[in-house]
N, C-alpha and C. Protein backbone atom coordinates (compact mmCIF):
# COMPACT_ATOMS: atom_id res chain seq x y z
N MET A 1 50.55 143.51 -78.41
CA MET A 1 49.27 143.96 -78.54
C MET A 1 49.30 145.45 -79.22
N ALA A 2 48.30 145.76 -79.90
CA ALA A 2 48.23 147.17 -80.32
C ALA A 2 48.02 148.35 -79.44
N PRO A 3 48.48 149.62 -79.56
CA PRO A 3 48.27 150.50 -78.47
C PRO A 3 46.64 150.66 -78.22
N SER A 4 46.24 150.76 -76.93
CA SER A 4 45.01 150.77 -76.48
C SER A 4 44.31 152.16 -76.72
N GLY A 5 45.18 153.26 -76.95
CA GLY A 5 44.57 154.53 -77.21
C GLY A 5 45.23 155.60 -76.14
N GLU A 6 45.14 156.92 -76.56
CA GLU A 6 45.78 157.98 -75.64
C GLU A 6 45.02 158.14 -74.43
N ARG A 7 43.77 158.02 -74.63
CA ARG A 7 42.74 158.30 -73.32
C ARG A 7 42.59 157.05 -72.55
N THR A 8 43.64 156.24 -72.31
CA THR A 8 43.57 155.06 -71.52
C THR A 8 44.76 155.17 -70.49
N ALA A 9 44.58 154.35 -69.35
CA ALA A 9 45.49 154.52 -68.29
C ALA A 9 45.57 153.16 -67.66
N VAL A 10 46.76 153.06 -67.04
CA VAL A 10 47.26 151.93 -65.92
C VAL A 10 47.44 152.57 -64.81
N LEU A 11 46.92 152.06 -63.71
CA LEU A 11 47.06 152.49 -62.41
C LEU A 11 47.90 151.68 -61.35
N VAL A 12 48.63 152.17 -60.57
CA VAL A 12 49.40 151.25 -59.48
C VAL A 12 49.54 152.04 -58.41
N ASP A 13 48.96 151.40 -57.36
CA ASP A 13 48.99 151.98 -55.88
C ASP A 13 48.98 150.76 -54.82
N PRO A 14 49.74 150.83 -53.75
CA PRO A 14 49.75 149.71 -52.69
C PRO A 14 48.31 149.41 -52.21
N TYR A 15 47.40 150.32 -52.28
CA TYR A 15 46.24 150.22 -51.56
C TYR A 15 45.00 150.29 -52.71
N PRO A 16 44.23 149.21 -52.66
CA PRO A 16 43.20 149.08 -53.65
C PRO A 16 42.09 150.22 -53.61
N LEU A 17 41.97 150.62 -52.32
CA LEU A 17 40.85 151.75 -52.26
C LEU A 17 41.32 152.80 -53.16
N TRP A 18 42.51 153.38 -53.17
CA TRP A 18 42.99 154.26 -53.99
C TRP A 18 42.79 154.04 -55.42
N LEU A 19 43.03 152.90 -55.87
CA LEU A 19 42.63 152.53 -57.16
C LEU A 19 41.41 152.65 -57.61
N ASP A 20 40.40 152.44 -56.75
CA ASP A 20 38.91 152.67 -56.98
C ASP A 20 38.69 154.15 -57.07
N ALA A 21 39.38 154.82 -56.21
CA ALA A 21 39.10 156.58 -56.27
C ALA A 21 39.63 157.13 -57.65
N VAL A 22 40.84 156.65 -57.90
CA VAL A 22 41.59 157.29 -58.97
C VAL A 22 40.84 156.80 -60.36
N GLU A 23 40.26 155.80 -60.46
CA GLU A 23 39.59 155.25 -61.58
C GLU A 23 38.34 156.08 -61.75
N ASN A 24 37.51 156.45 -60.68
CA ASN A 24 36.45 157.20 -60.68
C ASN A 24 36.84 158.83 -61.19
N VAL A 25 38.03 159.07 -60.83
CA VAL A 25 38.32 160.41 -61.24
C VAL A 25 38.70 160.42 -62.69
N LEU A 26 39.41 159.47 -63.25
CA LEU A 26 39.88 159.24 -64.63
C LEU A 26 38.62 159.20 -65.44
N ALA A 27 37.54 158.48 -65.00
CA ALA A 27 36.27 158.18 -65.84
C ALA A 27 35.60 159.67 -66.05
N LYS A 28 35.36 160.44 -64.97
CA LYS A 28 35.06 161.69 -65.14
C LYS A 28 35.80 162.79 -66.08
N ASN A 29 36.86 162.30 -66.40
CA ASN A 29 37.86 163.02 -67.42
C ASN A 29 37.90 162.20 -68.77
N ALA A 30 37.03 161.27 -68.87
CA ALA A 30 37.11 160.55 -70.31
C ALA A 30 38.22 159.70 -70.37
N VAL A 31 38.80 159.26 -69.54
CA VAL A 31 39.95 158.41 -69.56
C VAL A 31 39.60 156.98 -69.14
N SER A 32 39.85 155.92 -69.88
CA SER A 32 39.38 154.54 -69.57
C SER A 32 40.47 153.84 -68.84
N VAL A 33 40.29 153.19 -67.71
CA VAL A 33 41.39 152.43 -67.08
C VAL A 33 41.50 150.89 -67.82
N VAL A 34 42.53 150.69 -68.39
CA VAL A 34 42.54 149.31 -68.95
C VAL A 34 43.63 148.34 -68.14
N GLY A 35 44.05 148.90 -67.11
CA GLY A 35 44.79 147.96 -66.22
C GLY A 35 45.09 148.63 -64.92
N ARG A 36 44.97 147.86 -63.83
CA ARG A 36 45.35 148.50 -62.46
C ARG A 36 45.84 147.17 -61.61
N THR A 37 46.87 147.63 -60.66
CA THR A 37 47.48 146.64 -59.91
C THR A 37 48.19 147.37 -58.64
N SER A 38 48.36 146.69 -57.76
CA SER A 38 49.09 147.12 -56.47
C SER A 38 50.64 146.87 -56.67
N ASN A 39 51.10 146.33 -57.75
CA ASN A 39 52.51 145.91 -57.81
C ASN A 39 53.26 146.73 -58.91
N ALA A 40 54.20 147.25 -58.70
CA ALA A 40 55.06 148.44 -59.56
C ALA A 40 55.53 147.34 -60.86
N GLU A 41 55.98 146.21 -60.48
CA GLU A 41 56.55 145.49 -61.71
C GLU A 41 55.35 144.99 -62.68
N ARG A 42 54.30 144.46 -62.08
CA ARG A 42 53.25 144.21 -62.88
C ARG A 42 52.68 145.40 -63.55
N ALA A 43 52.73 146.57 -62.94
CA ALA A 43 52.24 147.84 -63.91
C ALA A 43 53.18 148.06 -64.90
N LEU A 44 54.36 147.87 -64.78
CA LEU A 44 55.32 147.94 -65.99
C LEU A 44 55.15 147.01 -67.00
N ALA A 45 54.68 145.64 -66.73
CA ALA A 45 54.26 144.81 -67.61
C ALA A 45 52.91 145.01 -68.32
N LEU A 46 51.94 145.73 -67.66
CA LEU A 46 50.72 146.35 -68.16
C LEU A 46 51.05 147.41 -69.19
N CYS A 47 51.89 148.29 -68.91
CA CYS A 47 52.22 149.30 -69.74
C CYS A 47 52.70 148.75 -71.01
N GLU A 48 53.51 147.72 -71.04
CA GLU A 48 54.21 147.31 -72.15
C GLU A 48 53.19 146.66 -73.00
N GLU A 49 52.45 145.84 -72.45
CA GLU A 49 51.29 145.00 -73.06
C GLU A 49 50.21 145.94 -73.54
N LEU A 50 49.74 146.85 -72.89
CA LEU A 50 48.48 147.53 -73.18
C LEU A 50 48.71 148.90 -73.86
N ARG A 51 50.14 149.52 -73.83
CA ARG A 51 50.32 150.62 -74.35
C ARG A 51 49.46 151.78 -74.09
N PRO A 52 49.00 152.16 -72.73
CA PRO A 52 48.17 153.12 -72.36
C PRO A 52 48.82 154.56 -72.66
N GLY A 53 47.70 155.62 -72.56
CA GLY A 53 48.24 156.85 -72.89
C GLY A 53 48.86 157.56 -71.42
N ILE A 54 48.35 156.71 -70.31
CA ILE A 54 48.69 157.45 -68.88
C ILE A 54 49.07 156.44 -68.06
N LEU A 55 49.99 156.64 -67.26
CA LEU A 55 50.39 155.87 -65.93
C LEU A 55 50.36 156.56 -64.76
N VAL A 56 49.49 156.13 -63.92
CA VAL A 56 49.13 156.96 -62.56
C VAL A 56 49.86 156.05 -61.60
N ALA A 57 50.97 156.50 -60.95
CA ALA A 57 51.64 155.68 -59.88
C ALA A 57 51.95 156.41 -58.51
N GLU A 58 51.92 155.72 -57.53
CA GLU A 58 52.32 156.04 -56.22
C GLU A 58 53.90 155.75 -56.28
N PRO A 59 54.63 157.04 -56.18
CA PRO A 59 56.15 157.01 -56.24
C PRO A 59 56.65 155.95 -55.19
N ALA A 60 56.12 155.85 -54.11
CA ALA A 60 56.65 154.83 -53.02
C ALA A 60 56.59 153.40 -53.60
N ALA A 61 57.19 152.39 -52.94
CA ALA A 61 56.91 150.99 -53.16
C ALA A 61 57.35 150.74 -54.66
N GLY A 62 58.47 151.36 -55.21
CA GLY A 62 58.93 151.09 -56.50
C GLY A 62 58.43 151.72 -57.54
N GLY A 63 57.49 152.90 -57.27
CA GLY A 63 56.73 153.62 -58.19
C GLY A 63 57.65 154.37 -58.98
N ILE A 64 58.73 155.06 -58.55
CA ILE A 64 59.69 155.94 -59.14
C ILE A 64 60.25 155.12 -60.40
N ALA A 65 60.71 153.79 -60.12
CA ALA A 65 61.28 153.07 -61.13
C ALA A 65 60.35 152.74 -62.10
N CYS A 66 59.10 152.31 -61.66
CA CYS A 66 58.13 152.05 -62.51
C CYS A 66 57.84 153.31 -63.76
N ILE A 67 57.78 154.58 -63.07
CA ILE A 67 57.59 155.70 -63.91
C ILE A 67 58.73 155.83 -64.86
N ARG A 68 60.04 155.63 -64.50
CA ARG A 68 61.18 155.79 -65.35
C ARG A 68 61.13 154.66 -66.39
N GLU A 69 60.96 153.63 -66.15
CA GLU A 69 61.16 152.32 -67.06
C GLU A 69 59.70 152.47 -68.03
N GLY A 70 58.65 152.76 -67.48
CA GLY A 70 57.54 152.85 -68.31
C GLY A 70 57.75 153.98 -69.45
N CYS A 71 58.30 155.06 -69.04
CA CYS A 71 58.42 156.18 -70.05
C CYS A 71 59.42 155.77 -70.97
N ALA A 72 60.27 154.94 -70.52
CA ALA A 72 61.43 154.52 -71.36
C ALA A 72 61.02 153.54 -72.37
N ARG A 73 60.11 152.69 -71.99
CA ARG A 73 59.71 151.61 -72.91
C ARG A 73 58.49 151.73 -73.65
N VAL A 74 57.68 152.73 -73.36
CA VAL A 74 56.54 153.00 -73.99
C VAL A 74 56.55 154.43 -74.33
N PRO A 75 56.77 154.69 -75.69
CA PRO A 75 56.86 156.02 -76.24
C PRO A 75 55.47 156.77 -76.08
N GLY A 76 55.81 157.98 -75.64
CA GLY A 76 54.45 158.76 -75.49
C GLY A 76 53.81 158.63 -74.11
N LEU A 77 54.22 157.75 -73.26
CA LEU A 77 53.44 157.42 -72.22
C LEU A 77 53.76 158.59 -71.29
N LYS A 78 52.42 159.19 -70.49
CA LYS A 78 52.52 160.21 -69.82
C LYS A 78 52.26 159.68 -68.26
N ALA A 79 53.32 159.96 -67.38
CA ALA A 79 53.15 159.51 -66.05
C ALA A 79 52.72 160.52 -64.98
N ILE A 80 51.80 160.19 -64.26
CA ILE A 80 51.31 161.17 -63.13
C ILE A 80 51.68 160.55 -61.88
N ALA A 81 52.26 161.06 -61.05
CA ALA A 81 52.79 160.55 -59.63
C ALA A 81 51.66 161.03 -58.78
N LEU A 82 50.84 159.96 -57.98
CA LEU A 82 49.89 160.34 -57.04
C LEU A 82 50.32 159.93 -55.71
N ALA A 83 50.84 160.70 -54.85
CA ALA A 83 51.78 160.41 -53.74
C ALA A 83 51.02 160.72 -52.53
N ALA A 84 51.35 159.99 -51.50
CA ALA A 84 50.98 160.26 -50.03
C ALA A 84 51.94 161.23 -49.48
N SER A 85 53.09 161.42 -50.10
CA SER A 85 54.04 162.29 -49.38
C SER A 85 54.40 163.58 -50.39
N ASP A 86 54.51 164.72 -49.74
CA ASP A 86 54.98 165.83 -50.55
C ASP A 86 56.51 166.12 -50.29
N ASP A 87 57.14 165.17 -49.93
CA ASP A 87 58.52 165.32 -49.69
C ASP A 87 59.27 166.10 -50.91
N PRO A 88 60.00 166.94 -50.79
CA PRO A 88 60.52 167.57 -51.84
C PRO A 88 61.57 166.64 -52.64
N THR A 89 62.22 165.85 -52.11
CA THR A 89 63.14 164.78 -52.66
C THR A 89 62.51 164.02 -53.55
N GLN A 90 61.19 163.31 -53.05
CA GLN A 90 60.48 162.35 -53.91
C GLN A 90 59.77 163.25 -54.92
N VAL A 91 59.39 164.51 -54.89
CA VAL A 91 58.83 165.19 -55.94
C VAL A 91 59.87 165.37 -57.18
N GLN A 92 61.16 165.81 -56.60
CA GLN A 92 62.04 165.93 -57.67
C GLN A 92 62.54 164.53 -58.31
N ALA A 93 62.55 163.36 -57.60
CA ALA A 93 62.85 162.21 -58.03
C ALA A 93 61.69 161.73 -59.13
N ALA A 94 60.55 162.12 -58.85
CA ALA A 94 59.39 161.72 -59.71
C ALA A 94 59.48 162.49 -61.06
N PHE A 95 59.75 163.78 -61.04
CA PHE A 95 59.92 164.58 -62.31
C PHE A 95 61.13 164.03 -63.04
N ALA A 96 62.24 163.75 -62.30
CA ALA A 96 63.49 163.31 -62.95
C ALA A 96 63.11 161.92 -63.62
N ALA A 97 62.31 161.11 -63.03
CA ALA A 97 62.02 159.81 -63.76
C ALA A 97 61.06 159.96 -64.98
N GLY A 98 60.64 161.09 -65.11
CA GLY A 98 59.63 161.38 -66.32
C GLY A 98 58.20 161.81 -66.03
N ALA A 99 57.94 162.00 -64.76
CA ALA A 99 56.63 162.20 -64.56
C ALA A 99 56.13 163.73 -65.05
N VAL A 100 55.00 163.77 -65.59
CA VAL A 100 54.60 165.03 -66.07
C VAL A 100 53.74 165.93 -65.10
N ALA A 101 53.42 165.29 -64.02
CA ALA A 101 52.59 165.93 -62.81
C ALA A 101 52.88 165.11 -61.58
N TYR A 102 52.71 165.90 -60.44
CA TYR A 102 52.76 165.24 -59.09
C TYR A 102 51.85 165.87 -58.33
N VAL A 103 50.93 165.03 -57.75
CA VAL A 103 49.74 165.39 -57.11
C VAL A 103 49.80 164.58 -55.74
N VAL A 104 49.56 165.30 -54.58
CA VAL A 104 49.55 164.71 -53.43
C VAL A 104 48.18 164.12 -53.10
N LYS A 105 47.96 162.96 -52.29
CA LYS A 105 46.54 162.35 -52.09
C LYS A 105 45.67 163.22 -51.26
N THR A 106 46.27 164.29 -50.64
CA THR A 106 45.31 165.05 -49.95
C THR A 106 44.73 166.18 -50.76
N ALA A 107 45.05 166.20 -52.00
CA ALA A 107 44.51 167.26 -52.99
C ALA A 107 43.00 166.97 -53.21
N HIS A 108 42.25 167.86 -53.64
CA HIS A 108 40.99 167.77 -54.03
C HIS A 108 40.91 166.75 -55.38
N SER A 109 39.86 166.16 -55.45
CA SER A 109 39.81 165.31 -56.75
C SER A 109 39.75 166.04 -58.02
N ASP A 110 39.28 167.57 -57.92
CA ASP A 110 39.53 168.31 -59.12
C ASP A 110 40.94 168.63 -59.52
N ASP A 111 41.94 168.62 -58.44
CA ASP A 111 43.17 168.76 -58.73
C ASP A 111 43.82 167.66 -59.54
N VAL A 112 43.33 166.47 -59.11
CA VAL A 112 43.82 165.32 -59.85
C VAL A 112 43.31 165.28 -61.33
N GLY A 113 42.08 165.89 -61.39
CA GLY A 113 41.63 166.18 -62.82
C GLY A 113 42.28 167.06 -63.63
N VAL A 114 42.63 168.08 -62.96
CA VAL A 114 43.60 169.02 -63.74
C VAL A 114 44.89 168.52 -64.18
N ALA A 115 45.43 167.65 -63.24
CA ALA A 115 46.84 166.98 -63.64
C ALA A 115 46.36 166.01 -64.89
N ILE A 116 45.58 165.32 -64.97
CA ILE A 116 44.98 164.43 -66.00
C ILE A 116 44.88 165.17 -67.25
N ARG A 117 44.13 166.48 -67.19
CA ARG A 117 43.89 167.08 -68.40
C ARG A 117 45.47 167.86 -68.80
N GLN A 118 46.21 168.23 -67.70
CA GLN A 118 47.39 168.77 -68.35
C GLN A 118 48.25 167.86 -68.92
N SER A 119 48.30 166.52 -68.81
CA SER A 119 48.93 165.51 -69.54
C SER A 119 48.59 165.61 -71.05
N PHE A 120 47.55 166.14 -71.27
CA PHE A 120 47.06 166.28 -72.64
C PHE A 120 47.26 167.79 -73.04
N ALA A 121 48.04 168.51 -72.44
CA ALA A 121 48.09 170.04 -72.62
C ALA A 121 48.22 170.36 -74.15
N PRO A 122 48.97 169.69 -74.97
CA PRO A 122 49.13 170.21 -76.31
C PRO A 122 47.78 170.35 -77.09
N SER A 123 46.77 169.43 -76.51
CA SER A 123 45.50 169.55 -77.30
C SER A 123 44.37 170.25 -76.52
N LEU A 124 44.78 170.91 -75.24
CA LEU A 124 43.98 171.71 -74.48
C LEU A 124 44.12 173.20 -74.52
N PHE A 125 45.38 173.67 -74.62
CA PHE A 125 45.79 174.88 -74.44
C PHE A 125 46.07 175.62 -75.82
N LEU A 126 45.24 176.78 -76.02
CA LEU A 126 45.44 177.31 -77.32
C LEU A 126 45.76 178.88 -76.98
N PRO A 127 46.30 179.63 -77.85
CA PRO A 127 46.69 180.86 -77.64
C PRO A 127 45.59 181.81 -77.21
N GLY A 128 45.63 182.49 -76.15
CA GLY A 128 44.42 183.38 -75.70
C GLY A 128 44.09 184.59 -76.55
N VAL A 129 42.98 185.03 -76.64
CA VAL A 129 42.71 186.15 -77.21
C VAL A 129 43.31 187.44 -76.51
N SER A 130 43.87 188.25 -77.09
CA SER A 130 44.24 189.44 -76.39
C SER A 130 43.29 190.45 -76.13
N SER A 131 43.22 190.99 -74.97
CA SER A 131 42.36 191.94 -74.42
C SER A 131 43.02 193.27 -73.96
N ALA A 132 42.31 194.05 -73.97
CA ALA A 132 42.90 195.50 -73.59
C ALA A 132 43.20 195.49 -72.15
N PRO A 133 44.17 196.38 -71.47
CA PRO A 133 44.39 196.46 -70.24
C PRO A 133 42.96 197.10 -69.46
N SER A 134 42.79 196.49 -68.17
CA SER A 134 41.75 197.27 -67.58
C SER A 134 42.33 198.43 -66.71
N ALA A 135 41.39 199.08 -66.05
CA ALA A 135 41.75 200.35 -65.42
C ALA A 135 42.86 200.10 -64.35
N ASN A 136 43.15 198.94 -63.74
CA ASN A 136 43.96 198.78 -62.94
C ASN A 136 45.54 198.07 -63.60
N GLY A 137 45.46 198.08 -64.90
CA GLY A 137 46.58 197.73 -65.54
C GLY A 137 46.64 196.19 -65.80
N SER A 138 45.63 195.52 -65.38
CA SER A 138 45.54 194.07 -65.74
C SER A 138 45.12 193.84 -67.12
N VAL A 139 45.50 192.58 -67.68
CA VAL A 139 45.11 192.08 -68.99
C VAL A 139 43.82 191.32 -69.08
N GLY A 140 43.30 190.90 -67.96
CA GLY A 140 42.13 190.09 -67.82
C GLY A 140 42.60 188.50 -67.72
N ALA A 141 41.85 187.87 -66.69
CA ALA A 141 42.25 186.55 -66.34
C ALA A 141 42.24 185.63 -67.40
N ASP A 142 41.31 185.78 -68.54
CA ASP A 142 41.16 184.83 -69.58
C ASP A 142 42.19 185.09 -70.75
N SER A 143 43.07 185.87 -70.61
CA SER A 143 43.98 186.40 -71.75
C SER A 143 45.32 185.49 -71.83
N HIS A 144 45.56 184.82 -70.89
CA HIS A 144 46.83 184.04 -70.70
C HIS A 144 46.56 182.59 -70.40
N PRO A 145 47.12 181.58 -71.27
CA PRO A 145 46.92 180.21 -71.22
C PRO A 145 47.39 179.67 -69.94
N ALA A 146 48.22 180.26 -69.05
CA ALA A 146 48.61 179.65 -67.89
C ALA A 146 47.67 179.74 -66.86
N VAL A 147 46.70 180.64 -67.04
CA VAL A 147 45.51 180.77 -66.03
C VAL A 147 44.87 179.41 -65.97
N GLU A 148 44.82 178.69 -67.09
CA GLU A 148 44.07 177.29 -67.14
C GLU A 148 44.63 176.40 -66.42
N MET A 149 45.96 176.63 -66.17
CA MET A 149 46.78 175.57 -65.65
C MET A 149 46.64 175.59 -64.11
N LEU A 150 46.15 176.68 -63.52
CA LEU A 150 45.89 176.85 -62.13
C LEU A 150 44.68 176.23 -61.54
N THR A 151 44.68 175.42 -60.53
CA THR A 151 43.34 174.77 -60.09
C THR A 151 42.64 175.90 -59.33
N LYS A 152 41.45 175.60 -58.95
CA LYS A 152 40.77 176.58 -57.98
C LYS A 152 41.46 176.90 -56.84
N ARG A 153 42.13 175.98 -56.03
CA ARG A 153 42.68 176.30 -54.97
C ARG A 153 43.77 176.95 -55.07
N GLU A 154 44.60 176.75 -56.12
CA GLU A 154 46.05 177.51 -56.53
C GLU A 154 45.84 179.02 -56.75
N ARG A 155 44.45 179.25 -57.46
CA ARG A 155 44.08 180.72 -57.70
C ARG A 155 43.80 181.40 -56.46
N GLU A 156 43.25 180.76 -55.48
CA GLU A 156 42.68 181.26 -54.10
C GLU A 156 43.95 181.36 -53.44
N ILE A 157 44.93 180.56 -53.28
CA ILE A 157 46.11 180.84 -52.48
C ILE A 157 46.83 181.71 -53.24
N LEU A 158 47.04 182.06 -54.42
CA LEU A 158 47.75 183.10 -55.18
C LEU A 158 47.21 184.35 -54.78
N GLN A 159 45.75 184.55 -54.78
CA GLN A 159 45.14 185.70 -54.47
C GLN A 159 45.63 186.16 -52.99
N LEU A 160 45.58 185.05 -51.89
CA LEU A 160 45.87 185.46 -50.64
C LEU A 160 47.33 185.93 -50.52
N VAL A 161 48.29 185.21 -51.31
CA VAL A 161 49.54 185.64 -51.22
C VAL A 161 49.80 186.92 -51.68
N ALA A 162 49.14 187.24 -52.71
CA ALA A 162 49.17 188.69 -53.23
C ALA A 162 48.74 189.78 -52.33
N GLU A 163 47.79 189.41 -51.44
CA GLU A 163 47.23 190.23 -50.52
C GLU A 163 48.39 190.39 -49.36
N GLY A 164 49.38 189.68 -49.39
CA GLY A 164 50.33 189.74 -48.29
C GLY A 164 50.45 188.87 -47.26
N HIS A 165 49.65 187.89 -47.16
CA HIS A 165 49.84 186.85 -46.15
C HIS A 165 50.87 185.80 -46.20
N SER A 166 51.49 185.58 -45.01
CA SER A 166 52.43 184.57 -44.96
C SER A 166 52.02 183.20 -45.10
N ASN A 167 53.08 182.26 -45.12
CA ASN A 167 52.76 180.93 -45.33
C ASN A 167 52.06 180.38 -44.00
N SER A 168 52.46 180.81 -42.83
CA SER A 168 51.96 180.44 -41.56
C SER A 168 50.56 180.85 -41.31
N GLN A 169 50.46 182.14 -41.88
CA GLN A 169 48.91 182.73 -41.93
C GLN A 169 48.15 181.90 -42.90
N LEU A 170 48.41 181.69 -44.03
CA LEU A 170 47.65 180.87 -44.92
C LEU A 170 47.37 179.36 -44.34
N ALA A 171 48.38 178.86 -43.65
CA ALA A 171 47.97 177.45 -43.01
C ALA A 171 46.84 177.68 -42.06
N ARG A 172 46.95 178.79 -41.13
CA ARG A 172 46.04 179.01 -40.24
C ARG A 172 44.58 179.22 -41.01
N MET A 173 44.51 180.04 -41.82
CA MET A 173 43.33 180.38 -42.47
C MET A 173 42.68 179.24 -43.29
N LEU A 174 43.47 178.41 -43.91
CA LEU A 174 42.97 177.23 -44.77
C LEU A 174 42.79 176.06 -43.87
N TRP A 175 43.39 176.01 -42.69
CA TRP A 175 43.35 174.65 -41.73
C TRP A 175 44.09 173.62 -42.49
N VAL A 176 45.25 174.05 -43.05
CA VAL A 176 46.26 172.99 -43.56
C VAL A 176 47.70 173.16 -42.93
N THR A 177 48.68 172.43 -43.28
CA THR A 177 50.06 172.56 -42.74
C THR A 177 50.68 173.51 -43.72
N GLU A 178 51.75 174.09 -43.00
CA GLU A 178 52.63 175.12 -43.89
C GLU A 178 53.14 174.31 -45.08
N GLN A 179 53.72 173.05 -44.67
CA GLN A 179 54.12 172.12 -46.02
C GLN A 179 53.19 172.12 -47.07
N THR A 180 51.84 171.85 -46.71
CA THR A 180 50.80 171.88 -47.87
C THR A 180 50.86 173.28 -48.59
N VAL A 181 50.93 174.37 -47.93
CA VAL A 181 50.98 175.68 -48.56
C VAL A 181 52.22 175.73 -49.39
N LYS A 182 53.33 175.43 -49.01
CA LYS A 182 54.40 175.34 -49.73
C LYS A 182 54.33 174.54 -50.93
N PHE A 183 53.62 173.54 -50.85
CA PHE A 183 53.57 172.56 -51.95
C PHE A 183 52.79 173.26 -53.12
N HIS A 184 51.72 173.85 -52.76
CA HIS A 184 50.75 174.47 -53.50
C HIS A 184 51.54 175.76 -54.26
N LEU A 185 52.36 176.31 -53.48
CA LEU A 185 53.09 177.62 -53.89
C LEU A 185 54.29 177.12 -55.05
N SER A 186 54.94 176.08 -54.70
CA SER A 186 55.73 175.43 -55.59
C SER A 186 54.98 175.09 -56.88
N ASN A 187 53.96 174.56 -57.04
CA ASN A 187 53.19 174.34 -58.25
C ASN A 187 52.72 175.59 -58.83
N ILE A 188 52.36 176.59 -58.11
CA ILE A 188 52.08 177.79 -58.77
C ILE A 188 53.36 178.54 -59.34
N TYR A 189 54.33 178.47 -58.84
CA TYR A 189 55.67 179.15 -59.29
C TYR A 189 55.99 178.35 -60.62
N ARG A 190 55.88 177.13 -60.72
CA ARG A 190 56.33 176.27 -61.81
C ARG A 190 55.37 176.69 -63.08
N LYS A 191 54.03 176.46 -62.64
CA LYS A 191 53.17 176.55 -63.71
C LYS A 191 53.15 178.23 -64.36
N LEU A 192 53.52 179.25 -63.55
CA LEU A 192 53.47 180.59 -63.98
C LEU A 192 54.96 180.95 -64.48
N ASP A 193 55.86 180.12 -64.34
CA ASP A 193 57.30 180.31 -64.67
C ASP A 193 57.84 181.55 -63.89
N VAL A 194 57.44 181.59 -62.45
CA VAL A 194 58.11 182.55 -61.73
C VAL A 194 58.98 182.10 -60.59
N ALA A 195 59.75 182.94 -59.87
CA ALA A 195 60.66 182.44 -59.00
C ALA A 195 60.31 182.52 -57.57
N ASN A 196 59.44 183.60 -57.24
CA ASN A 196 59.00 183.77 -55.90
C ASN A 196 57.62 184.20 -55.73
N ARG A 197 57.16 184.52 -54.38
CA ARG A 197 56.03 185.00 -54.17
C ARG A 197 55.77 186.43 -54.71
N THR A 198 56.74 187.21 -54.84
CA THR A 198 56.69 188.46 -55.41
C THR A 198 56.33 188.54 -56.66
N GLU A 199 57.06 187.74 -57.64
CA GLU A 199 56.68 187.68 -58.94
C GLU A 199 55.39 187.11 -59.19
N ALA A 200 54.93 186.28 -58.27
CA ALA A 200 53.60 185.46 -58.55
C ALA A 200 52.49 186.42 -58.37
N SER A 201 52.75 187.34 -57.18
CA SER A 201 51.81 188.34 -56.81
C SER A 201 51.77 189.45 -58.08
N ARG A 202 53.00 189.66 -58.75
CA ARG A 202 52.77 190.74 -59.62
C ARG A 202 52.03 190.08 -60.94
N TRP A 203 52.29 188.86 -61.23
CA TRP A 203 51.60 188.07 -62.20
C TRP A 203 50.17 188.06 -62.01
N ALA A 204 49.81 187.91 -60.86
CA ALA A 204 48.33 187.73 -60.57
C ALA A 204 47.72 189.15 -60.75
N GLN A 205 48.41 190.24 -60.53
CA GLN A 205 47.88 191.54 -60.50
C GLN A 205 47.65 191.95 -62.12
N LEU A 206 48.72 191.48 -62.74
CA LEU A 206 48.72 191.90 -64.23
C LEU A 206 47.70 191.05 -65.06
N HIS A 207 47.21 189.91 -64.36
CA HIS A 207 46.23 189.01 -65.25
C HIS A 207 44.85 188.97 -64.62
N GLY A 208 44.69 189.86 -63.55
CA GLY A 208 43.19 190.15 -63.19
C GLY A 208 42.67 188.94 -62.23
N LEU A 209 43.65 188.48 -61.48
CA LEU A 209 43.32 187.30 -60.49
C LEU A 209 42.95 187.80 -59.18
N LEU A 210 43.03 189.14 -58.72
CA LEU A 210 42.90 189.68 -57.34
C LEU A 210 41.41 189.84 -57.15
N GLU A 211 40.53 189.10 -57.47
CA GLU A 211 39.20 189.37 -57.05
C GLU A 211 38.89 188.95 -55.66
N PRO A 212 37.94 189.51 -54.80
CA PRO A 212 37.73 189.11 -53.42
C PRO A 212 37.19 187.75 -53.54
N THR A 213 37.79 186.92 -52.59
CA THR A 213 37.21 185.68 -52.10
C THR A 213 37.09 185.37 -50.68
N PRO A 214 35.85 185.07 -50.14
CA PRO A 214 35.83 185.04 -48.72
C PRO A 214 36.68 183.84 -48.20
N VAL A 215 37.35 184.15 -47.15
CA VAL A 215 38.14 183.15 -46.59
C VAL A 215 37.46 182.05 -46.02
N GLU A 216 36.11 182.27 -45.38
CA GLU A 216 35.51 181.17 -44.89
C GLU A 216 35.22 180.05 -45.90
N SER A 217 34.90 180.54 -47.31
CA SER A 217 34.64 179.34 -48.17
C SER A 217 35.86 178.63 -48.48
N LEU A 218 37.02 179.09 -48.37
CA LEU A 218 38.30 178.33 -48.44
C LEU A 218 38.50 177.32 -47.45
N ALA A 219 38.33 177.59 -46.22
CA ALA A 219 38.38 176.76 -45.09
C ALA A 219 37.27 175.55 -45.41
N ALA A 220 36.00 175.92 -45.73
CA ALA A 220 35.05 175.04 -45.87
C ALA A 220 35.53 173.85 -47.06
N GLU A 221 36.21 174.35 -48.07
CA GLU A 221 36.57 173.22 -49.08
C GLU A 221 37.72 172.44 -48.70
N GLY A 222 38.38 172.71 -47.57
CA GLY A 222 39.43 171.88 -47.17
C GLY A 222 40.76 171.80 -48.12
């Protein structure tokens, strides 16, 4: 069968409810689901048959192998891991298998949407227009393409980190676990190409991301 198009997707997850939820998110991002299944082997067969642009897979229950084989057999396939666990070993395994993004199921649907758009990064991100430094030495939040890679929650966490809050403090402020905070930070470091919170804080300062944000609004968003 001929390729069904770049903005099409095959979904695989052990739970049908998640298939419905992810299909809705994909539809909001102009991606059509051409195949969905709860079986990893069936998902691989659908990828070979339908040649979608995206594979969204739960890494557990054979999903890692599905991502690896799918990327190997379907040139240009972009795999997104949508996982119940944020275990670092599983995250690394998913990326090693060829995933272009790893999203935990506790994430906001907007985060999933960002991951989907990121899979089409070459068509989305263009060089920013340079701007003069502001009085505090920043170059403006819109002047660096990496800013667009951060989700709203990641920007908020980056601001709080730059203000000097520890992981345990962030967890209490946002009503999440420290592991969730660490996961968000690892994504921030990767997207900004920095090694630690000090470098990330400096990056935020230079690019004008340190605007005041009420903590109450962060907790309300979950």
